[in-house]
Amino acid sequence: MKYFIIKILWFVINPLRKSYWFIVRPTTRGVKSIVIYNNKFLLVKLNYAHNLWTFPGGKVNKNESSINAAGREVMEETGIHIRNASLIGSYKSNKDYKNDTVEVYTGTTNSDICRIDPIEIRDARWFERNNIPQDRASSVNTILDFYDEFIIKNGNIQ
């Protein structure tokens, strides 16, 4: 029941938020995290937006560091604790009329057991690097490029 109420609210409130962002064009900060376990990457599908695979992430709260936001978002969405997080890049996004700077982190975990938040996350799965699904958000390609550059410079992080 709670899921359906939130879904309905999302469809009512989201257009209002996007209209506000169109007018104001706010500057925001976000994070995405590549979580690795046994050479597999964790990807999620969101309930409230596109129906594409993406890396866990979200907004950075006021007075919160990006690295703390990365860990918090992964924990909230999947129940997984990210370890040894390293900043590997950042990119700009103007999605939904916001001027968003997204910082990308990579790190490991010692468990592949996900406890997804069913209100926010539809599905979470582990994928090998060469088997990332084609039905993915465009940001996934940018994030994977950062990861590949990081590996070339630093070697395998596992």
N, C-alpha and C. Protein backbone atom coordinates (compact mmCIF):
# COMPACT_ATOMS: atom_id res chain seq x y z
N MET A 1 0.82 -1.19 0.00
CA MET A 1 0.00 0.00 0.00
C MET A 1 0.87 1.26 0.00
N LYS A 2 1.90 1.26 0.86
CA LYS A 2 2.80 2.40 0.95
C LYS A 2 3.47 2.65 -0.40
N TYR A 3 3.84 1.57 -1.09
CA TYR A 3 4.47 1.68 -2.40
C TYR A 3 3.55 2.41 -3.38
N PHE A 4 2.29 2.04 -3.41
CA PHE A 4 1.35 2.64 -4.36
C PHE A 4 1.08 4.10 -4.04
N ILE A 5 1.03 4.45 -2.79
CA ILE A 5 0.83 5.85 -2.40
C ILE A 5 2.01 6.69 -2.86
N ILE A 6 3.22 6.18 -2.63
CA ILE A 6 4.41 6.91 -3.04
C ILE A 6 4.47 7.01 -4.57
N LYS A 7 4.10 5.96 -5.26
CA LYS A 7 4.10 5.97 -6.73
C LYS A 7 3.13 7.03 -7.25
N ILE A 8 1.96 7.12 -6.66
CA ILE A 8 0.98 8.12 -7.06
C ILE A 8 1.51 9.52 -6.77
N LEU A 9 2.06 9.71 -5.58
CA LEU A 9 2.63 11.02 -5.23
C LEU A 9 3.75 11.40 -6.20
N TRP A 10 4.57 10.43 -6.58
CA TRP A 10 5.66 10.70 -7.51
C TRP A 10 5.12 11.26 -8.82
N PHE A 11 4.06 10.65 -9.35
CA PHE A 11 3.51 11.10 -10.62
C PHE A 11 2.82 12.45 -10.52
N VAL A 12 2.42 12.84 -9.32
CA VAL A 12 1.79 14.15 -9.12
C VAL A 12 2.85 15.21 -8.85
N ILE A 13 3.78 14.90 -7.98
CA ILE A 13 4.77 15.89 -7.53
C ILE A 13 5.90 16.08 -8.54
N ASN A 14 6.32 15.02 -9.21
CA ASN A 14 7.47 15.12 -10.11
C ASN A 14 7.30 16.18 -11.20
N PRO A 15 6.15 16.28 -11.87
CA PRO A 15 6.01 17.35 -12.87
C PRO A 15 6.14 18.75 -12.26
N LEU A 16 5.67 18.90 -11.03
CA LEU A 16 5.81 20.20 -10.36
C LEU A 16 7.28 20.51 -10.07
N ARG A 17 8.02 19.50 -9.63
CA ARG A 17 9.46 19.68 -9.38
C ARG A 17 10.18 20.04 -10.66
N LYS A 18 9.88 19.35 -11.74
CA LYS A 18 10.56 19.63 -13.00
C LYS A 18 10.22 21.03 -13.51
N SER A 19 9.00 21.49 -13.28
CA SER A 19 8.64 22.85 -13.67
C SER A 19 9.44 23.86 -12.87
N TYR A 20 9.58 23.63 -11.58
CA TYR A 20 10.39 24.50 -10.72
C TYR A 20 11.84 24.52 -11.21
N TRP A 21 12.39 23.33 -11.49
CA TRP A 21 13.78 23.26 -11.96
C TRP A 21 13.95 23.97 -13.31
N PHE A 22 12.94 23.90 -14.17
CA PHE A 22 13.01 24.57 -15.46
C PHE A 22 13.12 26.08 -15.27
N ILE A 23 12.39 26.61 -14.31
CA ILE A 23 12.39 28.05 -14.06
C ILE A 23 13.66 28.49 -13.32
N VAL A 24 14.02 27.76 -12.27
CA VAL A 24 15.12 28.17 -11.38
C VAL A 24 16.49 27.71 -11.88
N ARG A 25 16.56 26.56 -12.53
CA ARG A 25 17.83 25.96 -12.98
C ARG A 25 18.83 25.85 -11.83
N PRO A 26 18.47 25.07 -10.78
CA PRO A 26 19.33 25.00 -9.59
C PRO A 26 20.65 24.29 -9.85
N THR A 27 21.64 24.64 -9.06
CA THR A 27 22.93 23.95 -9.06
C THR A 27 22.86 22.90 -7.97
N THR A 28 23.10 21.65 -8.36
CA THR A 28 22.99 20.54 -7.42
C THR A 28 24.24 19.66 -7.50
N ARG A 29 24.37 18.79 -6.50
CA ARG A 29 25.47 17.83 -6.48
C ARG A 29 24.90 16.43 -6.32
N GLY A 30 25.50 15.48 -7.02
CA GLY A 30 25.06 14.10 -6.93
C GLY A 30 26.25 13.16 -6.89
N VAL A 31 25.97 11.89 -6.64
CA VAL A 31 27.00 10.86 -6.62
C VAL A 31 26.48 9.60 -7.29
N LYS A 32 27.41 8.83 -7.83
CA LYS A 32 27.16 7.49 -8.34
C LYS A 32 28.29 6.62 -7.82
N SER A 33 28.00 5.35 -7.57
CA SER A 33 29.01 4.45 -7.01
C SER A 33 29.08 3.14 -7.77
N ILE A 34 30.30 2.77 -8.14
CA ILE A 34 30.56 1.45 -8.69
C ILE A 34 30.94 0.59 -7.49
N VAL A 35 30.08 -0.35 -7.15
CA VAL A 35 30.33 -1.26 -6.03
C VAL A 35 30.75 -2.60 -6.64
N ILE A 36 31.88 -3.13 -6.17
CA ILE A 36 32.45 -4.34 -6.76
C ILE A 36 32.51 -5.46 -5.72
N TYR A 37 32.07 -6.63 -6.16
CA TYR A 37 32.19 -7.84 -5.34
C TYR A 37 32.55 -9.00 -6.28
N ASN A 38 33.64 -9.67 -6.02
CA ASN A 38 34.09 -10.80 -6.85
C ASN A 38 34.10 -10.46 -8.34
N ASN A 39 34.68 -9.31 -8.66
CA ASN A 39 34.79 -8.84 -10.06
C ASN A 39 33.45 -8.59 -10.73
N LYS A 40 32.40 -8.40 -9.96
CA LYS A 40 31.09 -8.05 -10.51
C LYS A 40 30.67 -6.68 -9.99
N PHE A 41 29.91 -5.97 -10.83
CA PHE A 41 29.45 -4.62 -10.52
C PHE A 41 27.97 -4.66 -10.14
N LEU A 42 27.61 -3.87 -9.15
CA LEU A 42 26.22 -3.77 -8.72
C LEU A 42 25.50 -2.69 -9.52
N LEU A 43 24.40 -3.06 -10.14
CA LEU A 43 23.54 -2.11 -10.83
C LEU A 43 22.13 -2.23 -10.29
N VAL A 44 21.39 -1.13 -10.38
CA VAL A 44 20.02 -1.10 -9.88
C VAL A 44 19.08 -0.55 -10.95
N LYS A 45 17.81 -0.92 -10.81
CA LYS A 45 16.73 -0.31 -11.60
C LYS A 45 15.86 0.46 -10.62
N LEU A 46 15.56 1.69 -10.97
CA LEU A 46 14.77 2.56 -10.10
C LEU A 46 13.28 2.34 -10.31
N ASN A 47 12.51 2.55 -9.26
CA ASN A 47 11.05 2.46 -9.34
C ASN A 47 10.42 3.75 -9.85
N TYR A 48 11.07 4.85 -9.60
CA TYR A 48 10.41 6.14 -9.79
C TYR A 48 10.84 6.87 -11.06
N ALA A 49 11.72 6.31 -11.85
CA ALA A 49 12.20 7.03 -13.02
C ALA A 49 12.26 6.07 -14.21
N HIS A 50 13.29 6.22 -15.00
CA HIS A 50 13.47 5.35 -16.16
C HIS A 50 13.51 3.89 -15.73
N ASN A 51 13.29 3.01 -16.64
CA ASN A 51 13.32 1.58 -16.36
C ASN A 51 14.62 0.99 -16.91
N LEU A 52 15.74 1.64 -16.58
CA LEU A 52 17.04 1.24 -17.10
C LEU A 52 17.98 0.92 -15.95
N TRP A 53 18.98 0.07 -16.24
CA TRP A 53 19.99 -0.23 -15.24
C TRP A 53 20.91 0.97 -15.05
N THR A 54 21.29 1.22 -13.82
CA THR A 54 22.19 2.32 -13.50
C THR A 54 22.98 1.95 -12.24
N PHE A 55 23.99 2.74 -11.95
CA PHE A 55 24.74 2.54 -10.72
C PHE A 55 24.00 3.21 -9.57
N PRO A 56 24.12 2.66 -8.36
CA PRO A 56 23.48 3.30 -7.21
C PRO A 56 24.00 4.72 -7.03
N GLY A 57 23.12 5.59 -6.57
CA GLY A 57 23.53 6.98 -6.34
C GLY A 57 22.36 7.87 -6.06
N GLY A 58 22.67 9.14 -5.92
CA GLY A 58 21.62 10.10 -5.63
C GLY A 58 22.22 11.45 -5.29
N LYS A 59 21.43 12.25 -4.60
CA LYS A 59 21.86 13.62 -4.32
C LYS A 59 22.76 13.68 -3.08
N VAL A 60 23.56 14.72 -3.07
CA VAL A 60 24.39 15.03 -1.91
C VAL A 60 23.61 16.07 -1.10
N ASN A 61 23.36 15.75 0.16
CA ASN A 61 22.62 16.67 1.02
C ASN A 61 23.47 17.87 1.41
N LYS A 62 22.80 18.93 1.81
CA LYS A 62 23.49 20.13 2.28
C LYS A 62 24.41 19.76 3.45
N ASN A 63 25.62 20.27 3.43
CA ASN A 63 26.64 20.03 4.47
C ASN A 63 27.08 18.57 4.55
N GLU A 64 26.88 17.80 3.50
CA GLU A 64 27.32 16.40 3.46
C GLU A 64 28.45 16.29 2.44
N SER A 65 29.47 15.52 2.77
CA SER A 65 30.54 15.30 1.81
C SER A 65 30.06 14.32 0.73
N SER A 66 30.67 14.42 -0.42
CA SER A 66 30.29 13.53 -1.52
C SER A 66 30.58 12.07 -1.18
N ILE A 67 31.70 11.81 -0.54
CA ILE A 67 32.05 10.43 -0.22
C ILE A 67 31.06 9.84 0.79
N ASN A 68 30.61 10.65 1.75
CA ASN A 68 29.58 10.18 2.69
C ASN A 68 28.26 9.95 1.98
N ALA A 69 27.92 10.82 1.04
CA ALA A 69 26.68 10.66 0.27
C ALA A 69 26.73 9.38 -0.55
N ALA A 70 27.89 9.08 -1.13
CA ALA A 70 28.02 7.86 -1.93
C ALA A 70 27.75 6.63 -1.06
N GLY A 71 28.35 6.58 0.11
CA GLY A 71 28.11 5.45 1.01
C GLY A 71 26.68 5.38 1.48
N ARG A 72 26.11 6.53 1.81
CA ARG A 72 24.72 6.58 2.29
C ARG A 72 23.75 6.11 1.21
N GLU A 73 23.93 6.59 -0.01
CA GLU A 73 23.02 6.22 -1.10
C GLU A 73 23.08 4.72 -1.39
N VAL A 74 24.29 4.15 -1.42
CA VAL A 74 24.41 2.70 -1.66
C VAL A 74 23.72 1.94 -0.54
N MET A 75 23.93 2.37 0.70
CA MET A 75 23.31 1.70 1.85
C MET A 75 21.79 1.82 1.80
N GLU A 76 21.27 3.02 1.52
CA GLU A 76 19.82 3.21 1.48
C GLU A 76 19.17 2.39 0.37
N GLU A 77 19.81 2.34 -0.78
CA GLU A 77 19.19 1.68 -1.93
C GLU A 77 19.34 0.16 -1.90
N THR A 78 20.47 -0.34 -1.37
CA THR A 78 20.76 -1.77 -1.50
C THR A 78 21.10 -2.47 -0.19
N GLY A 79 21.30 -1.73 0.88
CA GLY A 79 21.69 -2.33 2.15
C GLY A 79 23.14 -2.76 2.18
N ILE A 80 23.92 -2.36 1.21
CA ILE A 80 25.33 -2.76 1.11
C ILE A 80 26.23 -1.65 1.62
N HIS A 81 27.23 -2.04 2.39
CA HIS A 81 28.23 -1.11 2.91
C HIS A 81 29.41 -1.10 1.95
N ILE A 82 29.72 0.07 1.40
CA ILE A 82 30.83 0.20 0.46
C ILE A 82 32.11 0.47 1.24
N ARG A 83 33.19 -0.22 0.87
CA ARG A 83 34.49 -0.06 1.53
C ARG A 83 35.50 0.49 0.55
N ASN A 84 36.53 1.12 1.08
CA ASN A 84 37.66 1.60 0.27
C ASN A 84 37.21 2.48 -0.89
N ALA A 85 36.26 3.36 -0.65
CA ALA A 85 35.74 4.21 -1.72
C ALA A 85 36.81 5.18 -2.20
N SER A 86 36.89 5.31 -3.52
CA SER A 86 37.83 6.23 -4.16
C SER A 86 37.10 7.04 -5.21
N LEU A 87 37.36 8.33 -5.24
CA LEU A 87 36.80 9.19 -6.27
C LEU A 87 37.53 8.90 -7.58
N ILE A 88 36.78 8.60 -8.64
CA ILE A 88 37.43 8.27 -9.90
C ILE A 88 37.06 9.24 -11.03
N GLY A 89 36.16 10.18 -10.78
CA GLY A 89 35.82 11.14 -11.82
C GLY A 89 34.58 11.92 -11.46
N SER A 90 34.26 12.88 -12.31
CA SER A 90 33.02 13.64 -12.14
C SER A 90 32.56 14.11 -13.52
N TYR A 91 31.27 14.32 -13.62
CA TYR A 91 30.72 14.82 -14.88
C TYR A 91 29.57 15.77 -14.58
N LYS A 92 29.25 16.59 -15.57
CA LYS A 92 28.15 17.54 -15.47
C LYS A 92 26.92 16.95 -16.14
N SER A 93 25.77 17.23 -15.55
CA SER A 93 24.52 16.77 -16.12
C SER A 93 23.50 17.92 -16.06
N ASN A 94 22.78 18.10 -17.14
CA ASN A 94 21.70 19.09 -17.17
C ASN A 94 20.34 18.42 -17.24
N LYS A 95 20.30 17.16 -16.80
CA LYS A 95 19.05 16.41 -16.80
C LYS A 95 18.02 17.13 -15.93
N ASP A 96 16.82 17.16 -16.37
CA ASP A 96 15.71 17.80 -15.64
C ASP A 96 15.98 19.27 -15.35
N TYR A 97 16.80 19.91 -16.19
CA TYR A 97 17.05 21.36 -16.12
C TYR A 97 17.88 21.78 -14.91
N LYS A 98 18.54 20.84 -14.25
CA LYS A 98 19.42 21.18 -13.14
C LYS A 98 20.85 21.25 -13.64
N ASN A 99 21.66 22.05 -12.99
CA ASN A 99 23.09 22.08 -13.26
C ASN A 99 23.75 21.20 -12.21
N ASP A 100 23.83 19.94 -12.53
CA ASP A 100 24.25 18.92 -11.57
C ASP A 100 25.69 18.50 -11.83
N THR A 101 26.49 18.46 -10.77
CA THR A 101 27.82 17.88 -10.83
C THR A 101 27.75 16.54 -10.11
N VAL A 102 28.07 15.48 -10.83
CA VAL A 102 27.98 14.12 -10.27
C VAL A 102 29.40 13.59 -10.09
N GLU A 103 29.73 13.24 -8.85
CA GLU A 103 31.02 12.64 -8.56
C GLU A 103 30.85 11.12 -8.54
N VAL A 104 31.82 10.43 -9.13
CA VAL A 104 31.75 8.98 -9.28
C VAL A 104 32.79 8.33 -8.37
N TYR A 105 32.34 7.36 -7.58
CA TYR A 105 33.21 6.63 -6.67
C TYR A 105 33.22 5.16 -7.04
N THR A 106 34.29 4.50 -6.67
CA THR A 106 34.33 3.05 -6.78
C THR A 106 34.83 2.50 -5.46
N GLY A 107 34.35 1.33 -5.13
CA GLY A 107 34.76 0.68 -3.89
C GLY A 107 34.30 -0.76 -3.89
N THR A 108 34.65 -1.45 -2.85
CA THR A 108 34.34 -2.87 -2.75
C THR A 108 33.36 -3.11 -1.60
N THR A 109 32.89 -4.33 -1.54
CA THR A 109 32.06 -4.78 -0.43
C THR A 109 32.42 -6.23 -0.14
N ASN A 110 32.11 -6.68 1.06
CA ASN A 110 32.43 -8.07 1.38
C ASN A 110 31.19 -8.96 1.40
N SER A 111 30.11 -8.51 0.77
CA SER A 111 28.91 -9.34 0.67
C SER A 111 28.13 -8.94 -0.59
N ASP A 112 27.57 -9.92 -1.26
CA ASP A 112 26.76 -9.63 -2.44
C ASP A 112 25.26 -9.67 -2.13
N ILE A 113 24.92 -9.74 -0.87
CA ILE A 113 23.51 -9.81 -0.48
C ILE A 113 22.92 -8.40 -0.44
N CYS A 114 21.92 -8.19 -1.28
CA CYS A 114 21.25 -6.88 -1.35
C CYS A 114 19.94 -6.94 -0.59
N ARG A 115 19.67 -5.89 0.12
CA ARG A 115 18.36 -5.68 0.76
C ARG A 115 17.83 -4.37 0.21
N ILE A 116 17.18 -4.46 -0.95
CA ILE A 116 16.76 -3.25 -1.64
C ILE A 116 15.61 -2.56 -0.91
N ASP A 117 15.58 -1.26 -1.08
CA ASP A 117 14.45 -0.46 -0.62
C ASP A 117 13.40 -0.55 -1.73
N PRO A 118 12.32 -1.33 -1.54
CA PRO A 118 11.37 -1.57 -2.63
C PRO A 118 10.60 -0.33 -3.06
N ILE A 119 10.63 0.71 -2.27
CA ILE A 119 9.96 1.94 -2.68
C ILE A 119 10.81 2.67 -3.72
N GLU A 120 12.12 2.62 -3.54
CA GLU A 120 13.02 3.34 -4.45
C GLU A 120 13.60 2.45 -5.55
N ILE A 121 13.87 1.19 -5.23
CA ILE A 121 14.58 0.31 -6.15
C ILE A 121 13.69 -0.86 -6.58
N ARG A 122 13.60 -1.07 -7.87
CA ARG A 122 12.82 -2.18 -8.43
C ARG A 122 13.63 -3.48 -8.42
N ASP A 123 14.93 -3.36 -8.74
CA ASP A 123 15.76 -4.55 -8.85
C ASP A 123 17.22 -4.16 -8.65
N ALA A 124 18.00 -5.09 -8.15
CA ALA A 124 19.46 -4.90 -8.00
C ALA A 124 20.11 -6.23 -8.35
N ARG A 125 21.14 -6.14 -9.18
CA ARG A 125 21.84 -7.36 -9.60
C ARG A 125 23.32 -7.07 -9.79
N TRP A 126 24.09 -8.16 -9.77
CA TRP A 126 25.53 -8.10 -10.00
C TRP A 126 25.83 -8.52 -11.43
N PHE A 127 26.69 -7.75 -12.11
CA PHE A 127 27.04 -8.03 -13.50
C PHE A 127 28.55 -8.01 -13.67
N GLU A 128 29.05 -8.91 -14.50
CA GLU A 128 30.45 -8.84 -14.87
C GLU A 128 30.66 -7.63 -15.77
N ARG A 129 31.87 -7.09 -15.74
CA ARG A 129 32.18 -5.87 -16.50
C ARG A 129 31.84 -6.01 -17.99
N ASN A 130 32.11 -7.15 -18.57
CA ASN A 130 31.84 -7.34 -20.00
C ASN A 130 30.42 -7.82 -20.28
N ASN A 131 29.56 -7.82 -19.25
CA ASN A 131 28.19 -8.29 -19.42
C ASN A 131 27.18 -7.29 -18.85
N ILE A 132 27.54 -6.01 -18.89
CA ILE A 132 26.62 -4.97 -18.42
C ILE A 132 25.45 -4.92 -19.41
N PRO A 133 24.20 -4.91 -18.93
CA PRO A 133 23.05 -4.94 -19.84
C PRO A 133 23.02 -3.74 -20.79
N GLN A 134 22.47 -3.97 -21.96
CA GLN A 134 22.32 -2.91 -22.95
C GLN A 134 21.22 -1.92 -22.57
N ASP A 135 20.23 -2.37 -21.80
CA ASP A 135 19.16 -1.46 -21.37
C ASP A 135 19.62 -0.72 -20.11
N ARG A 136 20.51 0.25 -20.33
CA ARG A 136 21.13 0.98 -19.24
C ARG A 136 21.04 2.48 -19.50
N ALA A 137 21.11 3.23 -18.41
CA ALA A 137 21.10 4.69 -18.50
C ALA A 137 22.36 5.15 -19.22
N SER A 138 22.28 6.26 -19.93
CA SER A 138 23.43 6.76 -20.69
C SER A 138 24.61 7.09 -19.78
N SER A 139 24.35 7.45 -18.53
CA SER A 139 25.43 7.78 -17.60
C SER A 139 26.31 6.57 -17.29
N VAL A 140 25.78 5.37 -17.46
CA VAL A 140 26.55 4.16 -17.17
C VAL A 140 27.79 4.10 -18.05
N ASN A 141 27.67 4.48 -19.31
CA ASN A 141 28.83 4.46 -20.21
C ASN A 141 29.91 5.45 -19.74
N THR A 142 29.50 6.63 -19.34
CA THR A 142 30.44 7.63 -18.83
C THR A 142 31.14 7.11 -17.59
N ILE A 143 30.39 6.50 -16.69
CA ILE A 143 30.93 5.98 -15.43
C ILE A 143 31.90 4.83 -15.70
N LEU A 144 31.55 3.96 -16.63
CA LEU A 144 32.44 2.85 -16.98
C LEU A 144 33.75 3.36 -17.60
N ASP A 145 33.67 4.45 -18.37
CA ASP A 145 34.89 5.05 -18.92
C ASP A 145 35.80 5.54 -17.79
N PHE A 146 35.22 6.18 -16.78
CA PHE A 146 36.01 6.61 -15.62
C PHE A 146 36.67 5.41 -14.95
N TYR A 147 35.91 4.35 -14.81
CA TYR A 147 36.44 3.14 -14.16
C TYR A 147 37.59 2.55 -14.96
N ASP A 148 37.42 2.44 -16.26
CA ASP A 148 38.47 1.88 -17.10
C ASP A 148 39.75 2.72 -17.01
N GLU A 149 39.62 4.05 -17.03
CA GLU A 149 40.78 4.93 -16.88
C GLU A 149 41.43 4.75 -15.51
N PHE A 150 40.62 4.61 -14.49
CA PHE A 150 41.13 4.42 -13.13
C PHE A 150 41.94 3.13 -13.03
N ILE A 151 41.42 2.06 -13.62
CA ILE A 151 42.11 0.76 -13.60
C ILE A 151 43.43 0.84 -14.36
N ILE A 152 43.43 1.51 -15.49
CA ILE A 152 44.67 1.65 -16.27
C ILE A 152 45.73 2.40 -15.44
N LYS A 153 45.32 3.45 -14.73
CA LYS A 153 46.27 4.25 -13.94
C LYS A 153 46.70 3.54 -12.65
N ASN A 154 45.79 2.83 -12.00
CA ASN A 154 46.04 2.34 -10.65
C ASN A 154 46.08 0.83 -10.49
N GLY A 155 45.75 0.09 -11.51
CA GLY A 155 45.68 -1.36 -11.38
C GLY A 155 44.35 -1.76 -10.76
N ASN A 156 44.14 -3.03 -10.64
CA ASN A 156 42.90 -3.57 -10.09
C ASN A 156 42.76 -3.18 -8.62
N ILE A 157 41.58 -2.69 -8.21
CA ILE A 157 41.39 -2.22 -6.84
C ILE A 157 41.02 -3.36 -5.88
N GLN A 158 40.78 -4.55 -6.39
CA GLN A 158 40.32 -5.62 -5.51
C GLN A 158 41.45 -6.32 -4.82
